[in-house]
């Protein structure tokens, strides 16, 4: 095997010879490719940053509408809907026939909905006033629920502030009439919050995109909440995107139709001008967070374009002429050729000098790494240079020290319960094994110990009714209480809601007193507890080691476990009475 010195020397000589022969051609290819990569990076970063900016804007709309939808859902009363006789209606008009719109049940429901709408209207107004670019917001109730109070629609078109607007009679239009009720029918059909692709709203006489959220309560379609964004808002954001001298951006939909383009009409097909763009835009495997690059020719000019998918399904595209992208790399080639020659010469001289200095510390470092691989962490390196090898040596030394600390820390954490920070079941098994070895050896005085088992009652109820975070507090509170009472004995979490205590020394001698103290203190804590999850509720069992009958610690553990189970049964019987 050749030494590092030999390899470096041979590599240097080959590099010099090859570089002299090929530097011209390589420089041209390198600069050209690098310029292409740099343009790819620049356009990709611009497209990605603008996509994120547009997505953040659209996500702010989504979050606002989703928040309003949650408010509506939480404010509505299932009882009022049930008493009004509208539970189960689905929004398609089938429940309209035969309804007593003037009856007492409907009147009561309408009165409740009036109050509900008034509260919702105030919340919507505040949210819309703090959301940029919104030209309309609305809450349209399902006509099957009420005919008298359809909801509300506020618009801000050619006015400085939002003003009320007439709401459509839904069932006077076909469900396929997107221009009139697409904002109602599409989310109803999809059954989920979604963006509507750009469309012309005949009710408001505006081209827009909308984010809408269908509301369901108790299996009932309540209605639609949504916000509309004007076409001009999107246009201004797209027009602000520029790259190089004449590069620009546009928006197309999933089918390649122009949503906004500086030079093409809205609605025209992209493939009429740029077949390559249409092919890329129709890629069925594209991901939302990916940026795609392609080249095309438009009106005899070669261009490069990047595009990515937005949150609402539209494609953001950024284009620039290829001649502008590659303008700088021609002049760079001459400079690079000269600099490359000088670098090669210096490289040959410096490499020879550095190689000699590197060999010795590298050999020392290699030997140290072999010792470390064999598990020897007492490695000491003496190299004190300030060069890269010195940095590497110092880093290696610090790595060895950190490994020692990490391994010691890892050993300690392996036997600690992550939630309660007491010893875990693994630590309990290790302790049991050590005690069993002492029992089998029969050396010295017989062991004196007892096993106390504790099972956390009502943990499932707390998790189900208050959530797992409260259940975790319940477990930690109980564990801390056990540790407080039995201060001189190790405590282990041996199951999800089970704890074991090996009573030894003072705790073993005072076992009866401590168990009574446990019950008394638990009662005091529970009297002062403000929440169920900070109370102390345990079933417990205790078994004392008997050298005449117990062969191992597990015999004692099993008896304590049975006692704990019997205590749980007794407590359940008492509660049942």
Protein backbone atom coordinates (compact mmCIF):
# COMPACT_ATOMS: atom_id res chain seq x y z
CA UNK A 1 0.00 0.00 0.00
CA UNK A 2 1.37 3.39 -0.96
CA UNK A 3 1.89 5.96 1.78
CA UNK A 4 -0.09 9.20 1.92
CA UNK A 5 3.03 11.13 0.95
CA UNK A 6 3.46 9.04 -2.19
CA UNK A 7 -0.22 9.37 -3.08
CA UNK A 8 -0.21 13.14 -2.64
CA UNK A 9 2.96 13.53 -4.70
CA UNK A 10 1.60 11.38 -7.53
CA UNK A 11 -1.76 13.16 -7.40
CA UNK A 12 -0.03 16.55 -7.61
CA UNK A 13 2.08 15.59 -10.60
CA UNK A 14 -0.90 14.08 -12.45
CA UNK A 15 -3.02 17.13 -11.65
CA UNK A 16 -0.34 19.47 -12.99
CA UNK A 17 0.12 17.55 -16.22
CA UNK A 18 -3.59 17.06 -16.86
CA UNK A 19 -4.34 20.66 -15.95
CA UNK A 20 -1.78 22.02 -18.38
CA UNK A 21 -3.22 19.91 -21.20
CA UNK A 22 -6.90 20.41 -20.50
CA UNK A 23 -7.20 23.63 -18.56
CA UNK A 24 -8.44 25.58 -21.55
CA UNK A 25 -11.28 23.27 -22.43
CA UNK A 26 -12.11 22.50 -18.81
CA UNK A 27 -12.26 26.21 -17.96
CA UNK A 28 -14.75 26.88 -20.73
CA UNK A 29 -16.96 23.98 -19.72
CA UNK A 30 -16.65 24.75 -16.05
CA UNK A 31 -17.52 28.41 -16.32
CA UNK A 32 -20.41 27.71 -18.62
CA UNK A 33 -21.79 24.98 -16.39
CA UNK A 34 -21.21 27.06 -13.29
CA UNK A 35 -23.05 29.99 -14.84
CA UNK A 36 -25.93 27.65 -15.67
CA UNK A 37 -25.95 26.27 -12.15
CA UNK A 38 -25.80 29.74 -10.67
CA UNK A 39 -28.71 30.87 -12.80
CA UNK A 40 -30.58 27.72 -11.80
CA UNK A 41 -29.92 28.47 -8.15
CA UNK A 42 -30.86 32.13 -8.47
CA UNK A 43 -34.08 31.45 -10.34
CA UNK A 44 -34.92 28.50 -8.10
CA UNK A 45 -34.35 30.53 -4.95
CA UNK A 46 -36.42 33.40 -6.32
CA UNK A 47 -39.25 31.07 -7.32
CA UNK A 48 -39.09 29.26 -3.99
CA UNK A 49 -39.02 32.47 -1.95
CA UNK A 50 -41.89 34.00 -3.94
CA UNK A 51 -43.82 30.74 -3.67
CA UNK A 52 -43.34 30.80 0.09
CA UNK A 53 -44.38 34.45 0.21
CA UNK A 54 -47.53 33.76 -1.78
CA UNK A 55 -48.20 30.62 0.23
CA UNK A 56 -47.77 32.51 3.49
CA UNK A 57 -50.30 35.04 2.28
CA UNK A 58 -52.74 32.33 1.24
CA UNK A 59 -52.11 30.39 4.45
CA UNK A 60 -52.99 33.54 6.41
CA UNK A 61 -56.32 33.51 4.55
CA UNK A 62 -56.70 29.79 5.29
CA UNK A 63 -55.91 30.24 8.98
CA UNK A 64 -58.37 33.12 9.27
CA UNK A 65 -61.21 31.24 7.57
CA UNK A 66 -60.44 28.02 9.48
CA UNK A 67 -60.45 29.98 12.73
CA UNK A 68 -63.82 31.48 11.84
CA UNK A 69 -65.13 28.02 10.95
CA UNK A 70 -64.01 26.68 14.32
CA UNK A 71 -65.69 29.61 16.05
CA UNK A 72 -68.96 28.94 14.21
CA UNK A 73 -68.83 25.23 15.04
CA UNK A 74 -68.11 25.83 18.72
CA UNK A 75 -70.74 28.58 19.06
CA UNK A 76 -73.53 26.48 17.55
CA UNK A 77 -75.62 24.36 19.91
CA UNK A 78 -76.45 20.82 18.83
CA UNK A 79 -79.43 20.95 21.18
CA UNK A 80 -80.89 23.99 19.42
CA UNK A 81 -80.41 22.31 16.03
CA UNK A 82 -82.07 19.15 17.25
CA UNK A 83 -85.01 21.01 18.81
CA UNK A 84 -85.38 22.98 15.58
CA UNK A 85 -85.73 19.72 13.65
CA UNK A 86 -82.86 20.36 11.22
CA UNK A 87 -80.33 17.74 12.33
CA UNK A 88 -79.16 15.72 9.37
CA UNK A 89 -79.87 18.17 6.53
CA UNK A 90 -77.13 18.03 3.89
CA UNK A 91 -77.48 21.27 1.91
CA UNK A 92 -78.75 19.98 -1.43
CA UNK A 93 -82.39 21.14 -0.98
CA UNK A 94 -84.00 17.77 -0.33
CA UNK A 95 -85.18 18.89 3.12
CA UNK A 96 -86.95 22.04 1.85
CA UNK A 97 -90.27 20.41 0.94
CA UNK A 98 -92.85 19.98 3.65
CA UNK A 99 -91.10 22.21 6.21
CA UNK A 100 -93.29 24.29 8.53
CA UNK A 101 -91.40 27.56 8.12
CA UNK A 102 -93.89 29.42 10.34
CA UNK A 103 -94.12 26.89 13.17
CA UNK A 104 -92.97 27.40 16.75
CA UNK A 105 -89.92 25.14 16.35
CA UNK A 106 -88.72 27.12 13.34
CA UNK A 107 -89.42 30.43 15.08
CA UNK A 108 -87.36 29.35 18.09
CA UNK A 109 -84.54 28.16 15.84
CA UNK A 110 -84.63 31.42 13.85
CA UNK A 111 -84.45 33.46 17.06
CA UNK A 112 -81.42 31.44 18.17
CA UNK A 113 -79.76 31.83 14.75
CA UNK A 114 -80.24 35.63 14.84
CA UNK A 115 -78.18 35.83 18.03
CA UNK A 116 -75.66 33.38 16.59
CA UNK A 117 -75.28 35.47 13.40
CA UNK A 118 -74.83 38.71 15.33
CA UNK A 119 -71.94 37.27 17.32
CA UNK A 120 -70.41 35.67 14.23
CA UNK A 121 -70.71 38.90 12.25
CA UNK A 122 -68.65 40.81 14.82
CA UNK A 123 -65.93 38.16 14.84
CA UNK A 124 -65.84 38.01 11.02
CA UNK A 125 -65.63 41.81 10.68
CA UNK A 126 -62.64 42.01 13.02
CA UNK A 127 -60.84 39.17 11.23
CA UNK A 128 -61.49 40.58 7.74
CA UNK A 129 -60.28 44.06 8.68
CA UNK A 130 -56.95 42.56 9.71
CA UNK A 131 -56.51 40.39 6.60
CA UNK A 132 -54.83 42.00 3.58
CA UNK A 133 -56.35 41.74 0.11
CA UNK A 134 -59.79 40.42 1.11
CA UNK A 135 -62.62 41.95 -0.96
CA UNK A 136 -65.46 39.86 0.49
CA UNK A 137 -66.24 37.66 3.46
CA UNK A 138 -69.39 35.68 4.11
CA UNK A 139 -71.25 33.19 6.26
CA UNK A 140 -74.02 31.55 4.20
CA UNK A 141 -76.39 29.35 6.20
CA UNK A 142 -77.83 26.22 4.60
CA UNK A 143 -81.28 27.26 3.26
CA UNK A 144 -82.63 23.97 4.56
CA UNK A 145 -82.07 25.25 8.11
CA UNK A 146 -83.73 28.66 7.75
CA UNK A 147 -85.23 30.77 4.96
CA UNK A 148 -85.52 33.94 7.00
CA UNK A 149 -81.88 34.46 8.01
CA UNK A 150 -79.55 33.32 5.20
CA UNK A 151 -76.39 34.67 6.83
CA UNK A 152 -74.37 37.66 5.73
CA UNK A 153 -72.08 38.82 2.91
CA UNK A 154 -69.82 41.86 3.20
CA UNK A 155 -67.82 43.27 0.29
CA UNK A 156 -65.18 45.94 -0.19
CA UNK A 157 -65.29 46.69 -3.91
CA UNK A 158 -64.67 50.32 -4.86
CA UNK A 159 -65.33 51.26 -1.22
CA UNK A 160 -62.89 51.99 1.63
CA UNK A 161 -64.59 49.64 4.07
CA UNK A 162 -66.73 46.51 4.05
CA UNK A 163 -70.44 46.97 3.36
CA UNK A 164 -73.33 44.45 3.43
CA UNK A 165 -74.34 42.84 0.15
CA UNK A 166 -77.39 40.84 -0.96
CA UNK A 167 -76.98 37.07 -0.64
CA UNK A 168 -78.03 34.70 -3.44
CA UNK A 169 -81.02 32.40 -3.23
CA UNK A 170 -78.98 29.20 -3.50
CA UNK A 171 -81.64 26.89 -4.86
CA UNK A 172 -82.65 29.28 -7.65
CA UNK A 173 -79.44 28.24 -9.45
CA UNK A 174 -78.05 24.92 -10.63
CA UNK A 175 -75.35 23.40 -8.45
CA UNK A 176 -73.11 23.49 -11.55
CA UNK A 177 -73.44 27.28 -11.88
CA UNK A 178 -69.93 28.15 -10.65
CA UNK A 179 -70.21 31.85 -11.50
CA UNK A 180 -73.19 32.30 -9.16
CA UNK A 181 -72.93 29.68 -6.40
CA UNK A 182 -69.63 27.89 -6.96
CA UNK A 183 -68.50 29.24 -3.59
CA UNK A 184 -71.37 27.22 -2.05
CA UNK A 185 -71.68 24.11 -4.23
CA UNK A 186 -67.98 23.21 -4.61
CA UNK A 187 -67.09 23.06 -0.88
CA UNK A 188 -70.38 21.24 -0.24
CA UNK A 189 -69.48 18.61 -2.84
CA UNK A 190 -65.87 18.32 -1.64
CA UNK A 191 -66.80 18.24 2.03
CA UNK A 192 -63.56 19.93 3.11
CA UNK A 193 -61.92 23.36 3.23
CA UNK A 194 -60.45 24.23 -0.16
CA UNK A 195 -59.36 26.92 -2.58
CA UNK A 196 -61.51 27.60 -5.61
CA UNK A 197 -59.61 28.17 -8.82
CA UNK A 198 -59.89 31.70 -10.27
CA UNK A 199 -63.38 32.37 -11.56
CA UNK A 200 -65.61 35.28 -12.48
CA UNK A 201 -68.20 35.94 -9.77
CA UNK A 202 -71.33 37.27 -11.46
CA UNK A 203 -72.84 38.27 -8.14
CA UNK A 204 -70.01 40.71 -7.41
CA UNK A 205 -68.96 41.32 -11.02
CA UNK A 206 -65.35 40.49 -10.08
CA UNK A 207 -62.68 37.99 -11.06
CA UNK A 208 -61.36 36.38 -7.89
CA UNK A 209 -60.14 33.34 -6.04
CA UNK A 210 -61.87 32.10 -2.89
CA UNK A 211 -61.04 30.01 0.15
CA UNK A 212 -64.14 28.36 1.59
CA UNK A 213 -64.83 26.08 4.54
CA UNK A 214 -67.97 23.91 4.87
CA UNK A 215 -69.40 23.84 8.42
CA UNK A 216 -70.77 20.64 9.91
CA UNK A 217 -72.32 20.15 13.34
CA UNK A 218 -73.94 16.99 14.70
CA UNK A 219 -73.98 15.40 11.23
CA UNK A 220 -75.67 18.48 9.79
CA UNK A 221 -74.45 20.74 7.00
CA UNK A 222 -74.68 24.21 8.60
CA UNK A 223 -73.38 26.34 5.76
CA UNK A 224 -70.30 27.97 4.24
CA UNK A 225 -67.75 30.47 5.55
CA UNK A 226 -65.25 31.99 3.17
CA UNK A 227 -63.18 34.91 1.98
CA UNK A 228 -62.57 36.20 -1.56
CA UNK A 229 -59.32 37.69 -2.86
CA UNK A 230 -59.48 40.08 -5.80
CA UNK A 231 -57.61 39.39 -9.03
CA UNK A 232 -55.72 42.67 -8.72
CA UNK A 233 -54.14 41.51 -5.45
CA UNK A 234 -52.57 38.51 -7.19
CA UNK A 235 -51.60 40.58 -10.21
CA UNK A 236 -49.71 43.15 -8.14
CA UNK A 237 -47.76 40.44 -6.33
CA UNK A 238 -46.82 38.67 -9.57
CA UNK A 239 -45.84 41.95 -11.30
CA UNK A 240 -43.37 42.67 -8.50
CA UNK A 241 -41.33 39.55 -9.36
CA UNK A 242 -38.39 40.47 -11.62
CA UNK A 243 -35.11 38.76 -12.52
CA UNK A 244 -32.17 39.82 -14.68
CA UNK A 245 -33.08 42.68 -17.05
CA UNK A 246 -36.35 41.54 -18.62
CA UNK A 247 -37.32 38.42 -16.69
CA UNK A 248 -40.90 38.23 -15.43
CA UNK A 249 -43.40 35.89 -13.72
CA UNK A 250 -46.85 34.51 -14.49
CA UNK A 251 -49.54 32.23 -13.03
CA UNK A 252 -51.16 29.24 -14.74
CA UNK A 253 -53.62 26.62 -13.50
CA UNK A 254 -53.18 22.85 -13.48
CA UNK A 255 -54.42 22.55 -17.10
CA UNK A 256 -51.97 25.14 -18.41
CA UNK A 257 -54.50 27.96 -18.70
CA UNK A 258 -53.15 31.45 -18.08
CA UNK A 259 -54.40 32.99 -14.84
CA UNK A 260 -52.13 36.02 -15.19
CA UNK A 261 -49.38 36.73 -17.74
CA UNK A 262 -47.86 40.09 -18.71
CA UNK A 263 -48.11 39.29 -22.45
CA UNK A 264 -50.80 36.60 -22.83
CA UNK A 265 -54.53 36.93 -22.29
CA UNK A 266 -56.15 35.43 -19.22
CA UNK A 267 -57.70 32.06 -20.03
CA UNK A 268 -55.51 31.36 -23.07
CA UNK A 269 -53.72 28.03 -23.24
CA UNK A 270 -50.02 28.13 -22.45
CA UNK A 271 -49.20 25.51 -25.07
CA UNK A 272 -50.28 27.88 -27.84
CA UNK A 273 -47.10 29.84 -27.14
CA UNK A 274 -44.80 27.50 -25.18
CA UNK A 275 -45.30 23.74 -25.61
CA UNK A 276 -42.48 22.89 -23.20
CA UNK A 277 -44.05 24.98 -20.45
CA UNK A 278 -47.41 23.27 -20.86
CA UNK A 279 -45.75 19.86 -20.66
CA UNK A 280 -43.96 20.79 -17.43
CA UNK A 281 -47.05 22.43 -15.95
CA UNK A 282 -49.07 19.25 -16.55
CA UNK A 283 -46.54 17.03 -14.77
CA UNK A 284 -48.73 14.83 -12.62
CA UNK A 285 -45.96 13.90 -10.20
CA UNK A 286 -44.95 17.37 -9.11
CA UNK A 287 -44.66 18.12 -5.39
CA UNK A 288 -45.83 21.35 -3.76
CA UNK A 289 -42.42 22.27 -2.36
CA UNK A 290 -40.36 21.44 -5.47
CA UNK A 291 -39.13 23.85 -8.14
CA UNK A 292 -38.83 22.64 -11.75
CA UNK A 293 -36.49 24.06 -14.40
CA UNK A 294 -36.87 23.86 -18.19
CA UNK A 295 -35.91 25.68 -21.38
CA UNK A 296 -38.13 26.78 -24.25
CA UNK A 297 -38.19 29.05 -27.29
CA UNK A 298 -40.71 31.89 -27.55
CA UNK A 299 -40.92 34.14 -30.63
CA UNK A 300 -37.48 32.92 -31.73
CA UNK A 301 -35.83 33.71 -28.35
CA UNK A 302 -34.43 30.96 -26.14
CA UNK A 303 -35.55 31.30 -22.53
CA UNK A 304 -35.17 29.49 -19.22
CA UNK A 305 -38.08 29.09 -16.82
CA UNK A 306 -38.70 27.73 -13.34
CA UNK A 307 -42.07 26.91 -11.80
CA UNK A 308 -43.56 25.58 -8.58
CA UNK A 309 -47.00 24.73 -7.26
CA UNK A 310 -48.74 27.11 -4.86
CA UNK A 311 -50.90 26.28 -1.87
CA UNK A 312 -54.09 26.75 -3.90
CA UNK A 313 -52.99 24.50 -6.77
CA UNK A 314 -51.88 27.25 -9.20
CA UNK A 315 -48.36 27.23 -10.74
CA UNK A 316 -45.99 30.16 -10.29
CA UNK A 317 -43.60 30.49 -13.27
CA UNK A 318 -40.57 32.76 -13.62
CA UNK A 319 -38.88 33.22 -17.05
CA UNK A 320 -35.76 35.00 -18.32
CA UNK A 321 -33.92 35.18 -21.71
CA UNK A 322 -30.97 32.78 -21.97
CA UNK A 323 -28.74 35.51 -23.43
CA UNK A 324 -29.10 37.58 -20.25
CA UNK A 325 -28.30 34.59 -18.09
CA UNK A 326 -25.02 33.72 -19.85
CA UNK A 327 -23.83 37.28 -20.56
CA UNK A 328 -21.15 37.31 -17.87
CA UNK A 329 -19.43 33.99 -18.35
CA UNK A 330 -17.58 34.83 -21.58
CA UNK A 331 -15.36 37.46 -19.96
CA UNK A 332 -14.77 35.28 -16.95
CA UNK A 333 -13.07 32.55 -19.01
CA UNK A 334 -9.95 34.61 -19.81
CA UNK A 335 -9.41 35.58 -16.19
CA UNK A 336 -9.99 32.04 -14.98
CA UNK A 337 -7.44 30.59 -17.42
CA UNK A 338 -4.71 32.91 -16.17
CA UNK A 339 -5.57 32.46 -12.50
CA UNK A 340 -5.83 28.71 -12.99
CA UNK A 341 -2.28 28.50 -14.31
CA UNK A 342 -0.91 30.44 -11.37
CA UNK A 343 -2.86 28.35 -8.89
CA UNK A 344 -1.53 25.12 -10.41
CA UNK A 345 2.06 26.32 -10.10
CA UNK A 346 1.62 27.42 -6.52
CA UNK A 347 -0.25 24.23 -5.74
CA UNK A 348 2.65 22.05 -6.90
CA UNK A 349 5.14 23.91 -4.70
CA UNK A 350 2.98 24.19 -1.62
CA UNK A 351 1.80 20.59 -1.80
CA UNK A 352 5.34 19.27 -1.61
CA UNK A 353 6.05 21.39 1.47
CA UNK A 354 2.76 20.70 3.23
CA UNK A 355 2.88 16.96 2.58
CA UNK A 356 6.01 16.55 4.67
CA UNK A 357 4.51 18.47 7.58
CA UNK A 358 1.22 16.61 7.43
CA UNK A 359 2.53 13.07 7.46
CA UNK A 360 3.79 12.83 11.03
CA UNK A 361 0.73 14.26 12.85
CA UNK A 362 -1.57 12.32 10.54
CA UNK A 363 0.21 9.11 11.46
CA UNK A 364 -0.24 9.94 15.14
CA UNK A 365 -3.90 10.74 14.54
CA UNK A 366 -4.39 7.47 12.67
CA UNK A 367 -2.95 5.47 15.55
CA UNK A 368 -5.14 7.33 18.03
CA UNK A 369 -8.27 6.65 15.95
CA UNK A 370 -7.44 2.94 15.91
CA UNK A 371 -7.16 2.94 19.71
CA UNK A 372 -10.49 4.76 19.95
CA UNK A 373 -12.13 2.21 17.64
CA UNK A 374 -10.93 -0.53 20.02
CA UNK A 375 -12.65 1.19 22.96
CA UNK A 376 -9.65 2.94 24.49
CA UNK A 377 -10.84 6.43 25.49
CA UNK A 378 -7.61 7.41 27.26
CA UNK A 379 -6.12 8.85 24.08
CA UNK A 380 -3.79 11.86 24.45
CA UNK A 381 -2.54 13.82 21.41
CA UNK A 382 0.36 16.25 21.72
CA UNK A 383 0.22 18.10 18.39
CA UNK A 384 -0.25 21.85 19.02
CA UNK A 385 -0.10 23.36 15.52
CA UNK A 386 -2.59 26.03 14.44
CA UNK A 387 -3.15 24.58 10.98
CA UNK A 388 -5.98 22.31 9.84
CA UNK A 389 -4.24 19.25 11.25
CA UNK A 390 -3.97 21.02 14.59
CA UNK A 391 -7.66 21.87 14.47
CA UNK A 392 -8.45 18.29 13.51
CA UNK A 393 -6.27 17.00 16.34
CA UNK A 394 -7.88 19.29 18.90
CA UNK A 395 -11.33 18.38 17.58
CA UNK A 396 -10.47 14.71 17.79
CA UNK A 397 -9.28 15.15 21.38
CA UNK A 398 -12.46 16.99 22.32
CA UNK A 399 -14.47 14.28 20.57
CA UNK A 400 -12.79 11.64 22.74
CA UNK A 401 -13.58 13.63 25.88
CA UNK A 402 -17.18 14.20 24.80
CA UNK A 403 -17.54 10.50 24.01
CA UNK A 404 -16.41 9.62 27.51
CA UNK A 405 -18.94 12.01 29.03
CA UNK A 406 -21.66 10.91 26.61
CA UNK A 407 -21.16 7.20 27.28
CA UNK A 408 -21.24 7.78 31.03
CA UNK A 409 -24.36 9.92 30.67
CA UNK A 410 -25.95 7.35 28.34
CA UNK A 411 -25.39 4.62 30.88
CA UNK A 412 -27.16 6.70 33.52
CA UNK A 413 -30.08 7.61 31.27
CA UNK A 414 -30.63 4.02 30.15
CA UNK A 415 -32.01 3.21 33.58
CA UNK A 416 -34.08 6.35 34.19
CA UNK A 417 -37.76 6.80 33.37
CA UNK A 418 -38.15 9.75 30.96
CA UNK A 419 -41.44 10.99 32.45
CA UNK A 420 -41.01 10.67 36.23
CA UNK A 421 -37.17 10.66 36.39
CA UNK A 422 -37.15 7.74 38.81
CA UNK A 423 -35.51 4.44 37.93
CA UNK A 424 -37.18 2.41 35.20
CA UNK A 425 -38.04 -1.26 34.82
CA UNK A 426 -34.57 -2.01 33.43
CA UNK A 427 -32.98 -0.58 36.57
CA UNK A 428 -35.43 -2.62 38.67
CA UNK A 429 -34.39 -5.81 36.91
CA UNK A 430 -30.70 -5.02 37.46
CA UNK A 431 -31.39 -4.35 41.18
CA UNK A 432 -33.38 -7.58 41.45
CA UNK A 433 -30.56 -9.55 39.80
CA UNK A 434 -27.99 -8.14 42.26
CA UNK A 435 -30.23 -8.95 45.24
CA UNK A 436 -30.92 -12.48 43.90
CA UNK A 437 -27.17 -13.06 43.66
CA UNK A 438 -26.80 -12.04 47.31
CA UNK A 439 -29.68 -14.33 48.27
CA UNK A 440 -28.14 -17.28 46.40
CA UNK A 441 -24.66 -16.71 47.82
CA UNK A 442 -26.06 -16.66 51.38
CA UNK A 443 -23.04 -14.64 52.50
CA UNK A 444 -23.34 -12.41 55.53
CA UNK A 445 -26.56 -11.64 57.35
CA UNK A 446 -29.85 -12.50 55.60
CA UNK A 447 -31.32 -9.68 53.60
CA UNK A 448 -34.06 -7.62 55.18
CA UNK A 449 -36.32 -5.91 52.69
CA UNK A 450 -39.89 -5.60 51.50
CA UNK A 451 -41.49 -4.80 48.18
CA UNK A 452 -44.25 -2.18 47.99
CA UNK A 453 -46.34 -2.02 44.81
CA UNK A 454 -48.44 1.02 43.85
CA UNK A 455 -50.97 1.22 41.02
CA UNK A 456 -52.28 4.62 39.90
CA UNK A 457 -56.09 4.50 40.01
CA UNK A 458 -58.27 6.41 37.54
CA UNK A 459 -55.39 7.11 35.10
CA UNK A 460 -57.50 6.04 32.11
CA UNK A 461 -60.38 8.29 33.20
CA UNK A 462 -58.07 11.28 33.51
CA UNK A 463 -56.49 10.59 30.10
CA UNK A 464 -59.94 10.18 28.50
CA UNK A 465 -61.57 13.21 30.12
CA UNK A 466 -58.70 15.69 30.51
CA UNK A 467 -56.08 14.53 28.02
CA UNK A 468 -52.75 12.72 28.25
CA UNK A 469 -50.81 15.83 29.42
CA UNK A 470 -52.98 15.83 32.57
CA UNK A 471 -52.43 12.08 32.83
CA UNK A 472 -48.67 12.69 32.78
CA UNK A 473 -49.05 15.28 35.58
CA UNK A 474 -51.12 12.74 37.52
CA UNK A 475 -48.35 10.11 37.21
CA UNK A 476 -45.56 12.55 38.10
CA UNK A 477 -47.49 13.91 41.09
CA UNK A 478 -48.09 10.40 42.40
CA UNK A 479 -44.48 9.39 41.82
CA UNK A 480 -43.14 12.45 43.67
CA UNK A 481 -45.49 11.65 46.56
CA UNK A 482 -44.13 8.07 46.78
CA UNK A 483 -40.55 9.36 46.73
CA UNK A 484 -41.39 11.89 49.45
CA UNK A 485 -42.79 9.21 51.80
CA UNK A 486 -40.12 6.57 51.14
CA UNK A 487 -37.03 8.76 51.11
CA UNK A 488 -34.53 6.03 51.97
CA UNK A 489 -35.59 3.41 49.41
CA UNK A 490 -35.25 3.21 45.61
CA UNK A 491 -38.44 3.89 43.63
CA UNK A 492 -39.00 2.29 40.22
CA UNK A 493 -41.61 2.82 37.51
CA UNK A 494 -42.21 -0.78 36.40
CA UNK A 495 -45.25 -0.20 34.20
CA UNK A 496 -47.42 2.48 32.65
CA UNK A 497 -49.17 3.26 35.95
CA UNK A 498 -47.30 0.94 38.34
CA UNK A 499 -44.47 1.79 40.73
CA UNK A 500 -42.38 -0.49 42.92
CA UNK A 501 -40.43 0.45 46.06
CA UNK A 502 -37.70 -1.76 47.54
CA UNK A 503 -38.11 -0.95 51.25
CA UNK A 504 -34.71 -1.10 52.93
CA UNK A 505 -32.89 0.19 55.99
CA UNK A 506 -34.90 2.89 57.85
CA UNK A 507 -37.89 2.59 55.53
CA UNK A 508 -38.01 -1.16 56.14
CA UNK A 509 -37.82 -0.71 59.90
CA UNK A 510 -40.56 1.98 59.83
CA UNK A 511 -42.64 0.32 57.14
CA UNK A 512 -45.98 0.29 59.02
CA UNK A 513 -45.58 3.90 60.12
CA UNK A 514 -44.71 5.04 56.61
CA UNK A 515 -47.67 3.22 55.07
CA UNK A 516 -50.06 4.87 57.54
CA UNK A 517 -48.35 8.19 56.90
CA UNK A 518 -48.82 7.56 53.15
CA UNK A 519 -52.59 7.21 53.52
CA UNK A 520 -52.90 10.20 55.87
CA UNK A 521 -50.85 12.51 53.66
CA UNK A 522 -52.69 11.35 50.54
CA UNK A 523 -56.00 12.21 52.20
CA UNK A 524 -54.71 15.70 53.09
CA UNK A 525 -53.46 16.28 49.56
CA UNK A 526 -56.75 15.19 48.03
CA UNK A 527 -58.74 17.48 50.33
CA UNK A 528 -56.78 20.47 49.01
CA UNK A 529 -56.58 19.34 45.38
CA UNK A 530 -58.29 21.63 42.88
CA UNK A 531 -58.13 19.16 39.97
CA UNK A 532 -58.39 15.38 39.71
CA UNK A 533 -54.95 15.13 38.09
CA UNK A 534 -53.16 16.53 41.16
CA UNK A 535 -54.81 14.05 43.55
CA UNK A 536 -53.16 10.95 45.03
CA UNK A 537 -55.09 7.75 44.32
CA UNK A 538 -53.21 4.46 44.57
CA UNK A 539 -53.95 0.81 45.10
CA UNK A 540 -51.04 -0.65 47.05
CA UNK A 541 -49.69 -3.92 48.24
CA UNK A 542 -46.69 -4.83 50.45
CA UNK A 543 -44.84 -8.11 50.88
CA UNK A 544 -41.91 -8.77 53.26
CA UNK A 545 -39.04 -11.03 52.22
CA UNK A 546 -39.12 -14.39 54.08
CA UNK A 547 -35.90 -16.37 53.59
CA UNK A 548 -37.74 -19.56 54.55
CA UNK A 549 -40.26 -19.39 51.69
CA UNK A 550 -39.00 -16.85 49.17
CA UNK A 551 -36.42 -18.17 46.71
CA UNK A 552 -35.88 -14.84 44.95
CA UNK A 553 -37.00 -11.22 44.89
CA UNK A 554 -39.67 -11.95 42.27
CA UNK A 555 -41.49 -14.18 44.80
CA UNK A 556 -41.79 -11.15 47.08
CA UNK A 557 -42.68 -8.93 44.12
CA UNK A 558 -45.48 -11.28 43.02
CA UNK A 559 -47.00 -11.37 46.52
CA UNK A 560 -46.91 -7.59 46.72
CA UNK A 561 -48.52 -7.42 43.28
CA UNK A 562 -51.33 -9.74 44.44
CA UNK A 563 -51.84 -7.62 47.55
CA UNK A 564 -52.06 -4.53 45.35
CA UNK A 565 -54.64 -6.24 43.15
CA UNK A 566 -56.72 -7.22 46.16
CA UNK A 567 -56.55 -3.64 47.42
CA UNK A 568 -57.79 -2.40 44.02
CA UNK A 569 -60.70 -4.85 44.20
CA UNK A 570 -61.55 -3.68 47.73
CA UNK A 571 -61.48 -0.03 46.67
CA UNK A 572 -63.77 -0.72 43.72
CA UNK A 573 -66.20 -2.53 46.03
CA UNK A 574 -66.23 0.42 48.41
CA UNK A 575 -66.89 2.86 45.56
CA UNK A 576 -69.69 0.64 44.24
CA UNK A 577 -71.40 0.75 47.66
